[in-house]
Amino acid sequence: MPRYRLDERVTVVTASTSTDEYGTKTETRTDGRTLAADVQVQGGSEAIRQGQTEETARATVRMRYYEADQAGVDSDAYLRYRGELLRIHSRREIGSREYMELTCTRARI
């Protein structure tokens, strides 16, 4: 079983949507627990779409499975890492629920 250096900190960010009496939807983000993690940022890409520059940066985040599960880390949550929001695309278990590995991209919100 590999051992990861959990020397970085990420904050779990949850989003909730509410609708007012006029039907306008508002999304609110709330910071949750801060967890120790091993973050590996891979190279990204840059493209121009509809006159706007769009960049994509990928990251792999590993953390202790139990802590991540208790903090509500799932595909609907985001992670805040060094001031940037990361959108979670997939998660997988490493070992017998020892670590959780998340594949993320930088979120543009």
C-alpha atoms as a PDB file:
ATOM      1  CA  MET A   1       0.000   0.000   0.000  1.00  0.00           C
ATOM      2  CA  PRO A   2       1.537   3.315  -1.029  1.00  0.00           C
ATOM      3  CA  ARG A   3       1.965   6.048   1.569  1.00  0.00           C
ATOM      4  CA  TYR A   4       1.215   9.574   0.442  1.00  0.00           C
ATOM      5  CA  ARG A   5       2.618  12.814   1.804  1.00  0.00           C
ATOM      6  CA  LEU A   6      -0.485  14.557   3.083  1.00  0.00           C
ATOM      7  CA  ASP A   7       1.339  17.875   3.402  1.00  0.00           C
ATOM      8  CA  GLU A   8      -1.189  20.145   1.671  1.00  0.00           C
ATOM      9  CA  ARG A   9      -4.562  21.436   2.912  1.00  0.00           C
ATOM     10  CA  VAL A  10      -7.821  21.453   0.953  1.00  0.00           C
ATOM     11  CA  THR A  11     -11.205  22.734   2.092  1.00  0.00           C
ATOM     12  CA  VAL A  12     -14.409  20.933   1.144  1.00  0.00           C
ATOM     13  CA  VAL A  13     -16.898  23.372  -0.422  1.00  0.00           C
ATOM     14  CA  THR A  14     -20.555  22.396  -0.794  1.00  0.00           C
ATOM     15  CA  ALA A  15     -23.029  24.140  -3.070  1.00  0.00           C
ATOM     16  CA  SER A  16     -26.750  24.512  -2.509  1.00  0.00           C
ATOM     17  CA  THR A  17     -29.371  26.043  -4.805  1.00  0.00           C
ATOM     18  CA  SER A  18     -32.439  27.948  -3.670  1.00  0.00           C
ATOM     19  CA  THR A  19     -35.293  29.485  -5.646  1.00  0.00           C
ATOM     20  CA  ASP A  20     -37.014  32.711  -4.636  1.00  0.00           C
ATOM     21  CA  GLU A  21     -40.689  33.556  -5.173  1.00  0.00           C
ATOM     22  CA  TYR A  22     -39.923  34.896  -8.676  1.00  0.00           C
ATOM     23  CA  GLY A  23     -38.296  31.653  -9.805  1.00  0.00           C
ATOM     24  CA  THR A  24     -34.747  33.019  -9.743  1.00  0.00           C
ATOM     25  CA  LYS A  25     -32.215  30.390  -8.720  1.00  0.00           C
ATOM     26  CA  THR A  26     -29.336  31.332  -6.454  1.00  0.00           C
ATOM     27  CA  GLU A  27     -26.370  29.076  -5.784  1.00  0.00           C
ATOM     28  CA  THR A  28     -24.620  29.429  -2.439  1.00  0.00           C
ATOM     29  CA  ARG A  29     -21.267  27.867  -1.586  1.00  0.00           C
ATOM     30  CA  THR A  30     -20.283  27.019   1.961  1.00  0.00           C
ATOM     31  CA  ASP A  31     -16.812  26.115   3.176  1.00  0.00           C
ATOM     32  CA  GLY A  32     -16.702  22.921   5.221  1.00  0.00           C
ATOM     33  CA  ARG A  33     -13.876  20.970   6.788  1.00  0.00           C
ATOM     34  CA  THR A  34     -10.230  21.426   5.930  1.00  0.00           C
ATOM     35  CA  LEU A  35      -8.434  18.138   5.265  1.00  0.00           C
ATOM     36  CA  ALA A  36      -4.835  17.034   4.814  1.00  0.00           C
ATOM     37  CA  ALA A  37      -4.178  15.958   1.231  1.00  0.00           C
ATOM     38  CA  ASP A  38      -1.571  15.010  -1.332  1.00  0.00           C
ATOM     39  CA  VAL A  39      -2.187  17.278  -4.346  1.00  0.00           C
ATOM     40  CA  GLN A  40      -0.562  16.658  -7.730  1.00  0.00           C
ATOM     41  CA  VAL A  41      -1.304  19.334 -10.335  1.00  0.00           C
ATOM     42  CA  GLN A  42      -0.822  18.129 -13.899  1.00  0.00           C
ATOM     43  CA  GLY A  43      -0.437  20.278 -16.974  1.00  0.00           C
ATOM     44  CA  GLY A  44      -3.447  21.906 -18.483  1.00  0.00           C
ATOM     45  CA  SER A  45      -4.693  23.160 -21.804  1.00  0.00           C
ATOM     46  CA  GLU A  46      -5.850  26.486 -23.166  1.00  0.00           C
ATOM     47  CA  ALA A  47      -8.384  27.158 -25.902  1.00  0.00           C
ATOM     48  CA  ILE A  48     -10.421  30.040 -27.267  1.00  0.00           C
ATOM     49  CA  ARG A  49     -14.160  29.410 -27.334  1.00  0.00           C
ATOM     50  CA  GLN A  50     -16.640  32.055 -28.420  1.00  0.00           C
ATOM     51  CA  GLY A  51     -13.975  34.729 -28.109  1.00  0.00           C
ATOM     52  CA  GLN A  52     -13.147  33.787 -24.501  1.00  0.00           C
ATOM     53  CA  THR A  53      -9.921  32.168 -23.357  1.00  0.00           C
ATOM     54  CA  GLU A  54     -10.715  28.944 -21.556  1.00  0.00           C
ATOM     55  CA  GLU A  55      -8.060  27.080 -19.636  1.00  0.00           C
ATOM     56  CA  THR A  56      -8.228  23.686 -18.013  1.00  0.00           C
ATOM     57  CA  ALA A  57      -5.887  22.493 -15.285  1.00  0.00           C
ATOM     58  CA  ARG A  58      -6.098  18.947 -13.938  1.00  0.00           C
ATOM     59  CA  ALA A  59      -5.264  17.803 -10.425  1.00  0.00           C
ATOM     60  CA  THR A  60      -5.191  14.514  -8.569  1.00  0.00           C
ATOM     61  CA  VAL A  61      -5.994  14.809  -4.883  1.00  0.00           C
ATOM     62  CA  ARG A  62      -5.476  11.977  -2.400  1.00  0.00           C
ATOM     63  CA  MET A  63      -6.688  12.043   1.196  1.00  0.00           C
ATOM     64  CA  ARG A  64      -7.626   9.666   3.975  1.00  0.00           C
ATOM     65  CA  TYR A  65     -10.812   7.855   3.009  1.00  0.00           C
ATOM     66  CA  TYR A  66     -12.568   8.072   6.371  1.00  0.00           C
ATOM     67  CA  GLU A  67     -11.940  11.823   6.774  1.00  0.00           C
ATOM     68  CA  ALA A  68     -13.083  12.572   3.223  1.00  0.00           C
ATOM     69  CA  ASP A  69     -16.219  10.470   3.627  1.00  0.00           C
ATOM     70  CA  GLN A  70     -17.100  12.177   6.928  1.00  0.00           C
ATOM     71  CA  ALA A  71     -16.550  15.623   5.343  1.00  0.00           C
ATOM     72  CA  GLY A  72     -19.025  14.846   2.537  1.00  0.00           C
ATOM     73  CA  VAL A  73     -16.592  14.670  -0.362  1.00  0.00           C
ATOM     74  CA  ASP A  74     -18.577  13.537  -3.410  1.00  0.00           C
ATOM     75  CA  SER A  75     -19.022  14.538  -7.046  1.00  0.00           C
ATOM     76  CA  ASP A  76     -21.353  17.420  -6.067  1.00  0.00           C
ATOM     77  CA  ALA A  77     -18.742  19.060  -3.847  1.00  0.00           C
ATOM     78  CA  TYR A  78     -15.786  21.286  -4.726  1.00  0.00           C
ATOM     79  CA  LEU A  79     -12.359  21.589  -3.154  1.00  0.00           C
ATOM     80  CA  ARG A  80     -10.621  24.886  -2.406  1.00  0.00           C
ATOM     81  CA  TYR A  81      -6.863  24.578  -2.901  1.00  0.00           C
ATOM     82  CA  ARG A  82      -4.570  27.612  -2.696  1.00  0.00           C
ATOM     83  CA  GLY A  83      -7.492  29.953  -3.378  1.00  0.00           C
ATOM     84  CA  GLU A  84      -8.711  28.057  -6.468  1.00  0.00           C
ATOM     85  CA  LEU A  85     -11.909  26.010  -6.690  1.00  0.00           C
ATOM     86  CA  LEU A  86     -11.483  22.473  -8.002  1.00  0.00           C
ATOM     87  CA  ARG A  87     -14.466  20.580  -9.452  1.00  0.00           C
ATOM     88  CA  ILE A  88     -14.485  16.872  -8.585  1.00  0.00           C
ATOM     89  CA  HIS A  89     -15.019  14.617 -11.617  1.00  0.00           C
ATOM     90  CA  SER A  90     -14.357  11.182 -10.176  1.00  0.00           C
ATOM     91  CA  ARG A  91     -13.381   9.481  -6.971  1.00  0.00           C
ATOM     92  CA  ARG A  92     -11.954   6.065  -6.276  1.00  0.00           C
ATOM     93  CA  GLU A  93     -10.925   4.063  -3.283  1.00  0.00           C
ATOM     94  CA  ILE A  94      -7.268   3.124  -2.799  1.00  0.00           C
ATOM     95  CA  GLY A  95      -6.605   0.111  -0.649  1.00  0.00           C
ATOM     96  CA  SER A  96      -9.262  -1.121   1.712  1.00  0.00           C
ATOM     97  CA  ARG A  97     -10.802   2.332   2.291  1.00  0.00           C
ATOM     98  CA  GLU A  98      -7.455   3.713   3.327  1.00  0.00           C
ATOM     99  CA  TYR A  99      -7.238   6.589   0.828  1.00  0.00           C
ATOM    100  CA  MET A 100      -9.590   8.336  -1.572  1.00  0.00           C
ATOM    101  CA  GLU A 101      -8.269   9.594  -4.912  1.00  0.00           C
ATOM    102  CA  LEU A 102     -10.113  12.443  -6.634  1.00  0.00           C
ATOM    103  CA  THR A 103      -9.681  13.599 -10.211  1.00  0.00           C
ATOM    104  CA  CYS A 104     -10.408  17.325 -10.442  1.00  0.00           C
ATOM    105  CA  THR A 105     -10.248  20.284 -12.798  1.00  0.00           C
ATOM    106  CA  ARG A 106     -10.124  23.985 -12.021  1.00  0.00           C
ATOM    107  CA  ALA A 107     -13.661  25.335 -11.755  1.00  0.00           C
ATOM    108  CA  ARG A 108     -14.614  28.526 -13.563  1.00  0.00           C
ATOM    109  CA  ILE A 109     -17.585  29.964 -11.701  1.00  0.00           C
END
